[in-house]
Structure formats: C-alpha cells, structure tokens
Amino acid sequence: SSISQTLDLFGLGEPEFTLFPENLVVECGTWNDSAQPEIGYEDGCAQTTLSYSDEIIAGSCGGTYTLVRTYTLTDDCDHEVSQQWTVEVVDTTEPELFNIPASNITLNCGDELPNDNVFAIDNCEGITTVSLTAETFPSDCGYTFVRTWTTIDGCGNSSAESQTIVYIDNLAPVFTFVPESFIAEGCNPSDI
C-alpha cells in the first residue's frame, strides 16, 4: 500500500529586513545622496524585489535638509514591507575666509592701504557675503589701523579674520605753501 500527500506551498510569510542602516546626521558637503547603505532581507517563499523612493525635506537654514529614503520589499505574492532610513544633513561648520592680507605690517603715514580681494566659501552654500569693519588707534607718532573681515552663513556659523597695520610718521613735515618774501619800507613792523 502507499500513501500520497500533496502540499500546496503558498503564503509562507512576508519578506523581512535582516540588515538595515542606522539613521545618520552628517555635515553638509560630506554627503552624497546617491550613496547606498547595505541592506539585507529574507523572502518568504516567493521572489522578492527591493526598491526605494526618496523624499527631500528642506531644513531650517542654508543648504540643510533631511533625506527620507523608504525601502520596500515586494514579493510575487503581493506582500509588501517598508522601512524608512533618514539622513539629516546639517551645517555646523563656519565658512572659510580666503585672501586675507598679511598682518602686522608697518607703513609710512600717507602710504596707500594695501588692496584686498577677500572672499568666503561655505561648505553648504558656496560663496557667502563678506563684511568689512575698520578701527583706528592713535599713537604718539602715527596710528594703528585694524580691519576685520567677517562672514556668516545662513545657519549662523561665522568666522572673522583681521589685519593690523601700524602707520609710522617718520617723515619731516613739508610746507605746501610759502608766501613770497617782500620788503616793507617806511612801515612800522608791528603794522605788518
């Protein structure tokens, strides 16, 4: 005698993630949205496909944002399981100033102020605005001139650089006008 048994294998379980990345917080300029983390999964009984979709949520300042990536496992039995991975892109780095002129230089009074071409670049926003302030501090034979360049990015990160120039008065004064001499005759010198 014999016994036969027929087994219909279907619906043996939904697919499931076995390896999924931790959420990240990364600095602006260091992240590539096309980066793919390692994902592991098991299927139940049917062929399983992994897909994903992205949503970008604008941040509160500058070029910051949050990437919400939804990974979905779909099998041939129409089972579907999703899980979200988020990457928050922040800006905590101050912009960098370039072309700051040499500091602690000494010039003669009357010399022209050295030209500058200072600019700033932010890791999140690219080129940022630079402002310039200046202060003068008198001394016995000249003065000290300090100019400061400051830049602030959209997230409030700022940086500043200064140049100090000491102006020294080592030139003798020069007359700019001398009246012609004349002879006063028959006059009382006190009348001149």
N, C-alpha and C. Protein backbone atom coordinates (compact mmCIF):
# COMPACT_ATOMS: atom_id res chain seq x y z
N SER A 1 0.84 -1.18 0.00
CA SER A 1 0.00 0.00 0.00
C SER A 1 0.87 1.23 0.00
N SER A 2 0.33 2.32 -0.46
CA SER A 2 1.09 3.57 -0.50
C SER A 2 0.20 4.72 -0.07
N ILE A 3 0.87 5.72 0.43
CA ILE A 3 0.17 6.94 0.86
C ILE A 3 0.77 8.11 0.11
N SER A 4 -0.05 8.96 -0.43
CA SER A 4 0.45 10.16 -1.12
C SER A 4 -0.08 11.39 -0.41
N GLN A 5 0.73 12.43 -0.45
CA GLN A 5 0.34 13.71 0.19
C GLN A 5 0.73 14.84 -0.74
N THR A 6 -0.17 15.75 -0.93
CA THR A 6 0.09 16.92 -1.77
C THR A 6 0.18 18.15 -0.88
N LEU A 7 1.27 18.87 -1.02
CA LEU A 7 1.46 20.10 -0.24
C LEU A 7 1.42 21.29 -1.19
N ASP A 8 0.52 22.21 -0.92
CA ASP A 8 0.49 23.46 -1.67
C ASP A 8 1.24 24.51 -0.84
N LEU A 9 2.40 24.91 -1.33
CA LEU A 9 3.22 25.91 -0.62
C LEU A 9 2.86 27.30 -1.11
N PHE A 10 2.22 28.04 -0.25
CA PHE A 10 1.93 29.43 -0.60
C PHE A 10 1.79 30.24 0.68
N GLY A 11 2.11 31.48 0.56
CA GLY A 11 1.95 32.38 1.71
C GLY A 11 2.71 31.94 2.93
N LEU A 12 4.00 31.53 2.75
CA LEU A 12 4.78 31.07 3.89
C LEU A 12 5.41 32.22 4.66
N GLY A 13 4.95 33.38 4.47
CA GLY A 13 5.47 34.52 5.24
C GLY A 13 5.85 35.68 4.36
N GLU A 14 5.79 36.85 4.95
CA GLU A 14 6.18 38.06 4.24
C GLU A 14 7.70 38.19 4.23
N PRO A 15 8.22 38.91 3.26
CA PRO A 15 9.66 39.18 3.30
C PRO A 15 9.97 40.08 4.49
N GLU A 16 11.21 40.03 4.97
CA GLU A 16 11.58 40.87 6.11
C GLU A 16 13.02 41.34 5.98
N PHE A 17 13.26 42.53 6.53
CA PHE A 17 14.62 43.08 6.54
C PHE A 17 15.43 42.38 7.62
N THR A 18 16.64 41.97 7.27
CA THR A 18 17.54 41.34 8.25
C THR A 18 18.72 42.25 8.58
N LEU A 19 18.97 43.23 7.73
CA LEU A 19 20.05 44.20 7.95
C LEU A 19 19.56 45.55 7.44
N PHE A 20 19.56 46.55 8.34
CA PHE A 20 19.07 47.87 7.95
C PHE A 20 19.95 48.93 8.60
N PRO A 21 20.29 50.00 7.88
CA PRO A 21 21.23 51.00 8.41
C PRO A 21 20.60 51.87 9.51
N GLU A 22 21.48 52.38 10.37
CA GLU A 22 21.07 53.35 11.38
C GLU A 22 20.85 54.71 10.69
N ASN A 23 19.94 55.50 11.25
CA ASN A 23 19.76 56.86 10.75
C ASN A 23 21.04 57.65 10.97
N LEU A 24 21.28 58.63 10.10
CA LEU A 24 22.53 59.38 10.14
C LEU A 24 22.28 60.87 10.31
N VAL A 25 23.24 61.54 10.92
CA VAL A 25 23.34 63.00 10.92
C VAL A 25 24.72 63.31 10.37
N VAL A 26 24.77 64.02 9.22
CA VAL A 26 26.04 64.27 8.55
C VAL A 26 26.19 65.76 8.27
N GLU A 27 27.44 66.17 8.11
CA GLU A 27 27.75 67.57 7.83
C GLU A 27 27.56 67.86 6.35
N CYS A 28 26.99 69.01 6.08
CA CYS A 28 26.78 69.45 4.71
C CYS A 28 28.11 69.42 3.95
N GLY A 29 28.06 68.98 2.72
CA GLY A 29 29.26 68.92 1.91
C GLY A 29 30.00 67.60 2.01
N THR A 30 29.60 66.73 2.95
CA THR A 30 30.27 65.44 3.11
C THR A 30 29.38 64.29 2.67
N TRP A 31 28.16 64.59 2.26
CA TRP A 31 27.20 63.53 1.98
C TRP A 31 26.84 63.51 0.50
N ASN A 32 26.68 62.31 -0.03
CA ASN A 32 26.26 62.12 -1.42
C ASN A 32 24.92 61.39 -1.39
N ASP A 33 23.87 62.05 -1.90
CA ASP A 33 22.52 61.46 -1.85
C ASP A 33 22.42 60.13 -2.58
N SER A 34 23.35 59.87 -3.49
CA SER A 34 23.28 58.62 -4.23
C SER A 34 23.91 57.45 -3.48
N ALA A 35 24.49 57.72 -2.31
CA ALA A 35 25.12 56.66 -1.53
C ALA A 35 24.07 55.62 -1.13
N GLN A 36 24.46 54.36 -1.21
CA GLN A 36 23.54 53.27 -0.88
C GLN A 36 24.10 52.48 0.31
N PRO A 37 23.35 52.41 1.40
CA PRO A 37 23.80 51.61 2.54
C PRO A 37 23.57 50.12 2.25
N GLU A 38 24.14 49.31 3.10
CA GLU A 38 23.96 47.86 2.94
C GLU A 38 22.61 47.46 3.52
N ILE A 39 21.83 46.75 2.72
CA ILE A 39 20.50 46.28 3.12
C ILE A 39 20.47 44.76 3.01
N GLY A 40 19.97 44.11 4.04
CA GLY A 40 19.81 42.65 3.98
C GLY A 40 18.35 42.29 4.20
N TYR A 41 17.89 41.23 3.52
CA TYR A 41 16.50 40.81 3.69
C TYR A 41 16.35 39.33 3.34
N GLU A 42 15.26 38.78 3.82
CA GLU A 42 14.89 37.40 3.50
C GLU A 42 13.51 37.41 2.88
N ASP A 43 13.32 36.51 1.91
CA ASP A 43 11.98 36.40 1.34
C ASP A 43 11.29 35.20 1.96
N GLY A 44 9.99 35.22 1.86
CA GLY A 44 9.22 34.12 2.44
C GLY A 44 9.31 32.90 1.56
N CYS A 45 8.56 32.89 0.49
CA CYS A 45 8.56 31.76 -0.40
C CYS A 45 8.67 32.21 -1.85
N ALA A 46 8.36 33.46 -2.08
CA ALA A 46 8.30 33.96 -3.45
C ALA A 46 9.48 34.86 -3.73
N GLN A 47 9.69 35.12 -5.00
CA GLN A 47 10.74 36.03 -5.43
C GLN A 47 10.48 37.42 -4.85
N THR A 48 11.52 38.06 -4.28
CA THR A 48 11.35 39.36 -3.63
C THR A 48 12.21 40.41 -4.32
N THR A 49 11.61 41.58 -4.47
CA THR A 49 12.31 42.71 -5.10
C THR A 49 12.47 43.83 -4.08
N LEU A 50 13.66 44.43 -4.05
CA LEU A 50 13.94 45.58 -3.18
C LEU A 50 13.90 46.85 -4.03
N SER A 51 13.13 47.84 -3.61
CA SER A 51 13.08 49.13 -4.29
C SER A 51 13.11 50.23 -3.24
N TYR A 52 13.31 51.47 -3.68
CA TYR A 52 13.29 52.59 -2.72
C TYR A 52 12.79 53.85 -3.41
N SER A 53 12.32 54.77 -2.59
CA SER A 53 11.92 56.10 -3.07
C SER A 53 12.45 57.13 -2.09
N ASP A 54 12.77 58.32 -2.60
CA ASP A 54 13.36 59.37 -1.78
C ASP A 54 12.41 60.55 -1.62
N GLU A 55 12.46 61.14 -0.44
CA GLU A 55 11.78 62.41 -0.19
C GLU A 55 12.79 63.34 0.45
N ILE A 56 12.89 64.56 -0.08
CA ILE A 56 13.79 65.56 0.47
C ILE A 56 12.96 66.60 1.22
N ILE A 57 13.28 66.78 2.50
CA ILE A 57 12.58 67.77 3.33
C ILE A 57 13.57 68.89 3.62
N ALA A 58 13.22 70.09 3.18
CA ALA A 58 14.12 71.24 3.36
C ALA A 58 14.38 71.50 4.84
N GLY A 59 15.62 71.90 5.15
CA GLY A 59 15.99 72.21 6.52
C GLY A 59 15.60 73.62 6.90
N SER A 60 15.96 74.00 8.10
CA SER A 60 15.56 75.31 8.62
C SER A 60 16.50 76.43 8.20
N CYS A 61 17.66 76.10 7.63
CA CYS A 61 18.60 77.16 7.25
C CYS A 61 19.54 76.66 6.17
N GLY A 62 20.07 77.63 5.44
CA GLY A 62 21.11 77.33 4.45
C GLY A 62 20.75 76.17 3.54
N GLY A 63 21.71 75.31 3.30
CA GLY A 63 21.51 74.16 2.42
C GLY A 63 21.22 72.88 3.18
N THR A 64 20.68 73.00 4.38
CA THR A 64 20.40 71.80 5.17
C THR A 64 19.10 71.14 4.71
N TYR A 65 19.01 69.85 4.94
CA TYR A 65 17.80 69.12 4.56
C TYR A 65 17.83 67.74 5.21
N THR A 66 16.71 67.05 5.10
CA THR A 66 16.64 65.66 5.56
C THR A 66 16.21 64.79 4.38
N LEU A 67 16.99 63.75 4.15
CA LEU A 67 16.65 62.76 3.14
C LEU A 67 15.89 61.63 3.83
N VAL A 68 14.67 61.37 3.38
CA VAL A 68 13.89 60.24 3.90
C VAL A 68 13.81 59.22 2.77
N ARG A 69 14.49 58.10 2.95
CA ARG A 69 14.52 57.06 1.92
C ARG A 69 13.70 55.87 2.42
N THR A 70 12.67 55.54 1.66
CA THR A 70 11.79 54.42 2.03
C THR A 70 12.16 53.21 1.18
N TYR A 71 12.62 52.16 1.86
CA TYR A 71 12.93 50.90 1.19
C TYR A 71 11.72 49.99 1.29
N THR A 72 11.40 49.33 0.18
CA THR A 72 10.23 48.46 0.13
C THR A 72 10.61 47.10 -0.43
N LEU A 73 10.20 46.05 0.28
CA LEU A 73 10.34 44.67 -0.20
C LEU A 73 8.99 44.23 -0.74
N THR A 74 8.98 43.75 -1.97
CA THR A 74 7.74 43.28 -2.59
C THR A 74 7.99 41.89 -3.17
N ASP A 75 7.13 40.93 -2.81
CA ASP A 75 7.31 39.59 -3.38
C ASP A 75 6.22 39.29 -4.40
N ASP A 76 6.33 38.12 -5.03
CA ASP A 76 5.41 37.75 -6.09
C ASP A 76 4.01 37.47 -5.57
N CYS A 77 3.88 37.35 -4.27
CA CYS A 77 2.56 37.11 -3.68
C CYS A 77 1.91 38.41 -3.22
N ASP A 78 2.47 39.53 -3.67
CA ASP A 78 1.97 40.86 -3.35
C ASP A 78 2.11 41.23 -1.89
N HIS A 79 3.01 40.55 -1.19
CA HIS A 79 3.35 41.00 0.16
C HIS A 79 4.30 42.19 0.04
N GLU A 80 4.11 43.17 0.89
CA GLU A 80 4.92 44.38 0.80
C GLU A 80 5.29 44.83 2.21
N VAL A 81 6.58 45.07 2.42
CA VAL A 81 7.09 45.54 3.72
C VAL A 81 8.00 46.73 3.45
N SER A 82 7.80 47.82 4.21
CA SER A 82 8.59 49.03 4.01
C SER A 82 9.27 49.45 5.30
N GLN A 83 10.40 50.12 5.14
CA GLN A 83 11.12 50.66 6.28
C GLN A 83 11.83 51.92 5.83
N GLN A 84 11.85 52.94 6.71
CA GLN A 84 12.44 54.23 6.35
C GLN A 84 13.82 54.41 6.96
N TRP A 85 14.67 55.04 6.17
CA TRP A 85 16.02 55.42 6.61
C TRP A 85 16.15 56.92 6.40
N THR A 86 16.62 57.65 7.41
CA THR A 86 16.74 59.11 7.29
C THR A 86 18.19 59.55 7.43
N VAL A 87 18.54 60.54 6.63
CA VAL A 87 19.86 61.17 6.71
C VAL A 87 19.61 62.66 6.87
N GLU A 88 19.98 63.19 8.04
CA GLU A 88 19.81 64.62 8.29
C GLU A 88 21.12 65.33 7.96
N VAL A 89 21.05 66.25 7.02
CA VAL A 89 22.24 66.99 6.59
C VAL A 89 22.23 68.34 7.30
N VAL A 90 23.23 68.58 8.15
CA VAL A 90 23.28 69.78 8.98
C VAL A 90 24.48 70.64 8.57
N ASP A 91 24.47 71.88 9.04
CA ASP A 91 25.58 72.80 8.80
C ASP A 91 26.03 73.38 10.12
N THR A 92 27.12 72.85 10.66
CA THR A 92 27.69 73.38 11.90
C THR A 92 29.11 73.91 11.67
N THR A 93 29.51 73.98 10.42
CA THR A 93 30.87 74.41 10.07
C THR A 93 30.86 75.86 9.62
N GLU A 94 31.78 76.64 10.16
CA GLU A 94 31.84 78.05 9.78
C GLU A 94 32.43 78.20 8.39
N PRO A 95 31.99 79.22 7.66
CA PRO A 95 32.57 79.47 6.34
C PRO A 95 34.04 79.87 6.47
N GLU A 96 34.79 79.65 5.40
CA GLU A 96 36.22 79.93 5.43
C GLU A 96 36.54 81.17 4.61
N LEU A 97 37.36 82.05 5.19
CA LEU A 97 37.80 83.27 4.51
C LEU A 97 39.11 83.02 3.77
N PHE A 98 39.22 83.62 2.57
CA PHE A 98 40.42 83.46 1.76
C PHE A 98 40.98 84.82 1.37
N ASN A 99 42.29 84.83 1.06
CA ASN A 99 43.00 86.04 0.60
C ASN A 99 43.09 87.13 1.66
N ILE A 100 43.17 86.74 2.92
CA ILE A 100 43.37 87.74 3.97
C ILE A 100 44.79 88.30 3.82
N PRO A 101 44.95 89.64 3.71
CA PRO A 101 46.30 90.21 3.57
C PRO A 101 47.16 89.94 4.81
N ALA A 102 48.46 89.98 4.60
CA ALA A 102 49.40 89.75 5.71
C ALA A 102 49.15 90.76 6.82
N SER A 103 49.28 90.29 8.05
CA SER A 103 49.03 91.16 9.20
C SER A 103 50.34 91.64 9.79
N ASN A 104 50.21 92.56 10.75
CA ASN A 104 51.35 93.11 11.47
C ASN A 104 52.40 93.69 10.52
N ILE A 105 51.94 94.53 9.61
CA ILE A 105 52.87 95.22 8.72
C ILE A 105 52.99 96.67 9.14
N THR A 106 54.10 97.29 8.76
CA THR A 106 54.36 98.68 9.11
C THR A 106 54.49 99.50 7.84
N LEU A 107 53.78 100.62 7.79
CA LEU A 107 53.81 101.52 6.64
C LEU A 107 54.09 102.94 7.11
N ASN A 108 54.49 103.78 6.17
CA ASN A 108 54.68 105.19 6.47
C ASN A 108 53.33 105.90 6.38
N CYS A 109 53.16 106.89 7.20
CA CYS A 109 51.95 107.69 7.10
C CYS A 109 51.86 108.25 5.68
N GLY A 110 50.68 108.17 5.11
CA GLY A 110 50.48 108.61 3.75
C GLY A 110 50.54 107.49 2.73
N ASP A 111 51.11 106.34 3.10
CA ASP A 111 51.12 105.20 2.18
C ASP A 111 49.69 104.71 1.98
N GLU A 112 49.44 104.20 0.78
CA GLU A 112 48.11 103.70 0.48
C GLU A 112 47.86 102.37 1.19
N LEU A 113 46.62 102.16 1.54
CA LEU A 113 46.21 100.91 2.15
C LEU A 113 46.35 99.79 1.12
N PRO A 114 46.97 98.65 1.50
CA PRO A 114 47.11 97.55 0.55
C PRO A 114 45.74 97.05 0.07
N ASN A 115 45.68 96.71 -1.21
CA ASN A 115 44.42 96.18 -1.76
C ASN A 115 44.13 94.80 -1.18
N ASP A 116 42.85 94.47 -1.16
CA ASP A 116 42.47 93.14 -0.71
C ASP A 116 41.41 92.58 -1.65
N ASN A 117 41.35 91.27 -1.73
CA ASN A 117 40.33 90.59 -2.52
C ASN A 117 39.81 89.42 -1.69
N VAL A 118 39.31 89.74 -0.50
CA VAL A 118 38.87 88.71 0.44
C VAL A 118 37.52 88.14 0.00
N PHE A 119 37.40 86.82 0.06
CA PHE A 119 36.11 86.16 -0.22
C PHE A 119 35.96 84.99 0.73
N ALA A 120 34.74 84.47 0.82
CA ALA A 120 34.45 83.38 1.75
C ALA A 120 33.67 82.29 1.04
N ILE A 121 33.95 81.05 1.44
CA ILE A 121 33.23 79.89 0.89
C ILE A 121 32.71 79.06 2.05
N ASP A 122 31.44 78.69 1.94
CA ASP A 122 30.79 77.86 2.95
C ASP A 122 30.61 76.45 2.41
N ASN A 123 30.75 75.47 3.29
CA ASN A 123 30.64 74.07 2.86
C ASN A 123 29.23 73.72 2.38
N CYS A 124 28.24 74.52 2.75
CA CYS A 124 26.85 74.23 2.40
C CYS A 124 26.32 75.15 1.31
N GLU A 125 26.71 76.40 1.35
CA GLU A 125 26.09 77.40 0.48
C GLU A 125 27.00 77.93 -0.61
N GLY A 126 28.26 77.53 -0.62
CA GLY A 126 29.19 78.09 -1.59
C GLY A 126 29.69 79.44 -1.13
N ILE A 127 29.74 80.41 -2.05
CA ILE A 127 30.28 81.74 -1.73
C ILE A 127 29.30 82.49 -0.83
N THR A 128 29.81 83.05 0.26
CA THR A 128 28.99 83.84 1.18
C THR A 128 29.48 85.28 1.21
N THR A 129 28.62 86.17 1.70
CA THR A 129 28.94 87.60 1.75
C THR A 129 29.97 87.89 2.83
N VAL A 130 30.87 88.82 2.52
CA VAL A 130 31.91 89.24 3.46
C VAL A 130 31.69 90.71 3.79
N SER A 131 31.70 91.04 5.08
CA SER A 131 31.60 92.44 5.51
C SER A 131 32.95 92.89 6.08
N LEU A 132 33.21 94.19 5.99
CA LEU A 132 34.48 94.74 6.44
C LEU A 132 34.24 95.87 7.42
N THR A 133 34.93 95.82 8.56
CA THR A 133 34.91 96.92 9.53
C THR A 133 36.35 97.34 9.79
N ALA A 134 36.53 98.57 10.24
CA ALA A 134 37.88 99.08 10.50
C ALA A 134 37.88 99.95 11.74
N GLU A 135 39.01 99.92 12.47
CA GLU A 135 39.20 100.75 13.66
C GLU A 135 40.57 101.40 13.59
N THR A 136 40.68 102.61 14.12
CA THR A 136 41.95 103.33 14.17
C THR A 136 42.29 103.63 15.62
N PHE A 137 43.56 103.36 15.99
CA PHE A 137 44.03 103.59 17.36
C PHE A 137 45.24 104.52 17.29
N PRO A 138 45.07 105.80 17.71
CA PRO A 138 46.18 106.76 17.62
C PRO A 138 47.35 106.37 18.52
N SER A 139 48.56 106.75 18.08
CA SER A 139 49.75 106.57 18.90
C SER A 139 50.56 107.87 18.84
N ASP A 140 51.71 107.92 19.54
CA ASP A 140 52.48 109.16 19.62
C ASP A 140 52.96 109.64 18.25
N CYS A 141 53.44 108.73 17.44
CA CYS A 141 54.00 109.12 16.15
C CYS A 141 53.36 108.32 15.02
N GLY A 142 52.07 108.28 15.00
CA GLY A 142 51.37 107.54 13.95
C GLY A 142 50.06 106.97 14.49
N TYR A 143 49.69 105.83 13.99
CA TYR A 143 48.46 105.19 14.45
C TYR A 143 48.46 103.72 14.00
N THR A 144 47.60 102.96 14.65
CA THR A 144 47.41 101.56 14.27
C THR A 144 46.04 101.41 13.64
N PHE A 145 46.01 100.73 12.51
CA PHE A 145 44.78 100.56 11.75
C PHE A 145 44.47 99.06 11.69
N VAL A 146 43.28 98.69 12.18
CA VAL A 146 42.89 97.27 12.20
C VAL A 146 41.62 97.13 11.38
N ARG A 147 41.69 96.29 10.37
CA ARG A 147 40.48 96.00 9.61
C ARG A 147 40.14 94.51 9.74
N THR A 148 38.83 94.25 9.87
CA THR A 148 38.35 92.90 10.15
C THR A 148 37.30 92.49 9.13
N TRP A 149 37.50 91.32 8.54
CA TRP A 149 36.55 90.75 7.60
C TRP A 149 35.74 89.67 8.32
N THR A 150 34.42 89.72 8.14
CA THR A 150 33.53 88.77 8.81
C THR A 150 32.57 88.18 7.79
N THR A 151 32.29 86.90 7.93
CA THR A 151 31.30 86.25 7.08
C THR A 151 30.41 85.36 7.94
N ILE A 152 29.13 85.30 7.58
CA ILE A 152 28.15 84.49 8.32
C ILE A 152 27.34 83.71 7.29
N ASP A 153 27.19 82.41 7.52
CA ASP A 153 26.38 81.63 6.59
C ASP A 153 24.92 81.63 7.03
N GLY A 154 24.07 80.99 6.25
CA GLY A 154 22.63 81.00 6.51
C GLY A 154 22.22 80.31 7.78
N CYS A 155 23.12 79.51 8.36
CA CYS A 155 22.80 78.81 9.62
C CYS A 155 23.42 79.51 10.83
N GLY A 156 23.99 80.71 10.62
CA GLY A 156 24.53 81.47 11.74
C GLY A 156 25.97 81.14 12.10
N ASN A 157 26.61 80.26 11.35
CA ASN A 157 28.03 79.97 11.59
C ASN A 157 28.85 81.13 11.03
N SER A 158 29.77 81.64 11.81
CA SER A 158 30.53 82.81 11.37
C SER A 158 32.02 82.62 11.59
N SER A 159 32.79 83.38 10.83
CA SER A 159 34.24 83.42 11.04
C SER A 159 34.71 84.84 10.74
N ALA A 160 35.82 85.20 11.34
CA ALA A 160 36.37 86.55 11.18
C ALA A 160 37.89 86.47 11.17
N GLU A 161 38.50 87.34 10.36
CA GLU A 161 39.96 87.46 10.29
C GLU A 161 40.30 88.94 10.27
N SER A 162 41.43 89.29 10.89
CA SER A 162 41.83 90.69 10.99
C SER A 162 43.23 90.92 10.42
N GLN A 163 43.46 92.16 10.02
CA GLN A 163 44.78 92.60 9.60
C GLN A 163 45.12 93.85 10.40
N THR A 164 46.34 93.88 10.94
CA THR A 164 46.81 95.03 11.71
C THR A 164 47.92 95.73 10.94
N ILE A 165 47.74 97.03 10.73
CA ILE A 165 48.75 97.83 10.04
C ILE A 165 49.17 98.98 10.97
N VAL A 166 50.46 99.09 11.19
CA VAL A 166 50.99 100.17 12.01
C VAL A 166 51.54 101.25 11.07
N TYR A 167 50.96 102.43 11.15
CA TYR A 167 51.43 103.57 10.35
C TYR A 167 52.35 104.42 11.24
N ILE A 168 53.56 104.67 10.75
CA ILE A 168 54.55 105.44 11.50
C ILE A 168 54.82 106.75 10.77
N ASP A 169 54.85 107.84 11.55
CA ASP A 169 55.14 109.16 10.98
C ASP A 169 56.65 109.41 11.10
N ASN A 170 57.40 109.00 10.08
CA ASN A 170 58.86 109.21 10.12
C ASN A 170 59.33 110.18 9.03
N LEU A 171 58.38 110.97 8.52
CA LEU A 171 58.73 111.96 7.51
C LEU A 171 58.59 113.36 8.11
N ALA A 172 59.57 114.22 7.77
CA ALA A 172 59.51 115.60 8.26
C ALA A 172 58.34 116.31 7.58
N PRO A 173 57.72 117.25 8.28
CA PRO A 173 56.62 117.98 7.65
C PRO A 173 57.13 118.81 6.47
N VAL A 174 56.28 119.01 5.50
CA VAL A 174 56.63 119.76 4.31
C VAL A 174 55.62 120.88 4.13
N PHE A 175 56.14 122.10 3.86
CA PHE A 175 55.23 123.22 3.59
C PHE A 175 54.55 122.99 2.25
N THR A 176 53.28 123.23 2.23
CA THR A 176 52.55 123.13 0.96
C THR A 176 52.40 124.50 0.30
N PHE A 177 52.60 125.56 1.09
CA PHE A 177 52.55 126.91 0.53
C PHE A 177 53.43 127.83 1.37
N VAL A 178 54.30 128.59 0.68
CA VAL A 178 55.14 129.58 1.35
C VAL A 178 54.95 130.90 0.60
N PRO A 179 54.49 131.95 1.28
CA PRO A 179 54.30 133.23 0.58
C PRO A 179 55.64 133.82 0.14
N GLU A 180 55.58 134.60 -0.92
CA GLU A 180 56.81 135.25 -1.40
C GLU A 180 57.27 136.30 -0.39
N SER A 181 58.58 136.45 -0.35
CA SER A 181 59.15 137.48 0.54
C SER A 181 58.90 138.86 -0.07
N PHE A 182 58.80 139.86 0.79
CA PHE A 182 58.67 141.22 0.31
C PHE A 182 59.32 142.16 1.32
N ILE A 183 59.67 143.35 0.85
CA ILE A 183 60.32 144.34 1.72
C ILE A 183 59.31 145.44 1.99
N ALA A 184 59.11 145.66 3.25
CA ALA A 184 58.19 146.72 3.64
C ALA A 184 59.02 147.94 4.05
N GLU A 185 58.86 149.02 3.29
CA GLU A 185 59.63 150.22 3.59
C GLU A 185 58.74 151.27 4.26
N GLY A 186 59.34 151.92 5.20
CA GLY A 186 58.67 153.04 5.87
C GLY A 186 57.49 152.61 6.69
N CYS A 187 57.51 151.38 7.09
CA CYS A 187 56.40 150.88 7.90
C CYS A 187 56.91 150.44 9.24
N ASN A 188 56.05 150.57 10.15
CA ASN A 188 56.34 150.04 11.46
C ASN A 188 56.15 148.54 11.40
N PRO A 189 57.13 147.75 11.80
CA PRO A 189 56.99 146.28 11.70
C PRO A 189 55.75 145.74 12.41
N SER A 190 55.32 146.48 13.36
CA SER A 190 54.12 145.98 14.06
C SER A 190 52.89 146.12 13.21
N ASP A 191 52.97 146.93 12.10
CA ASP A 191 51.81 147.11 11.21
C ASP A 191 51.70 146.00 10.16
N ILE A 192 52.73 145.19 10.07
CA ILE A 192 52.75 144.16 9.03
C ILE A 192 51.95 142.95 9.50
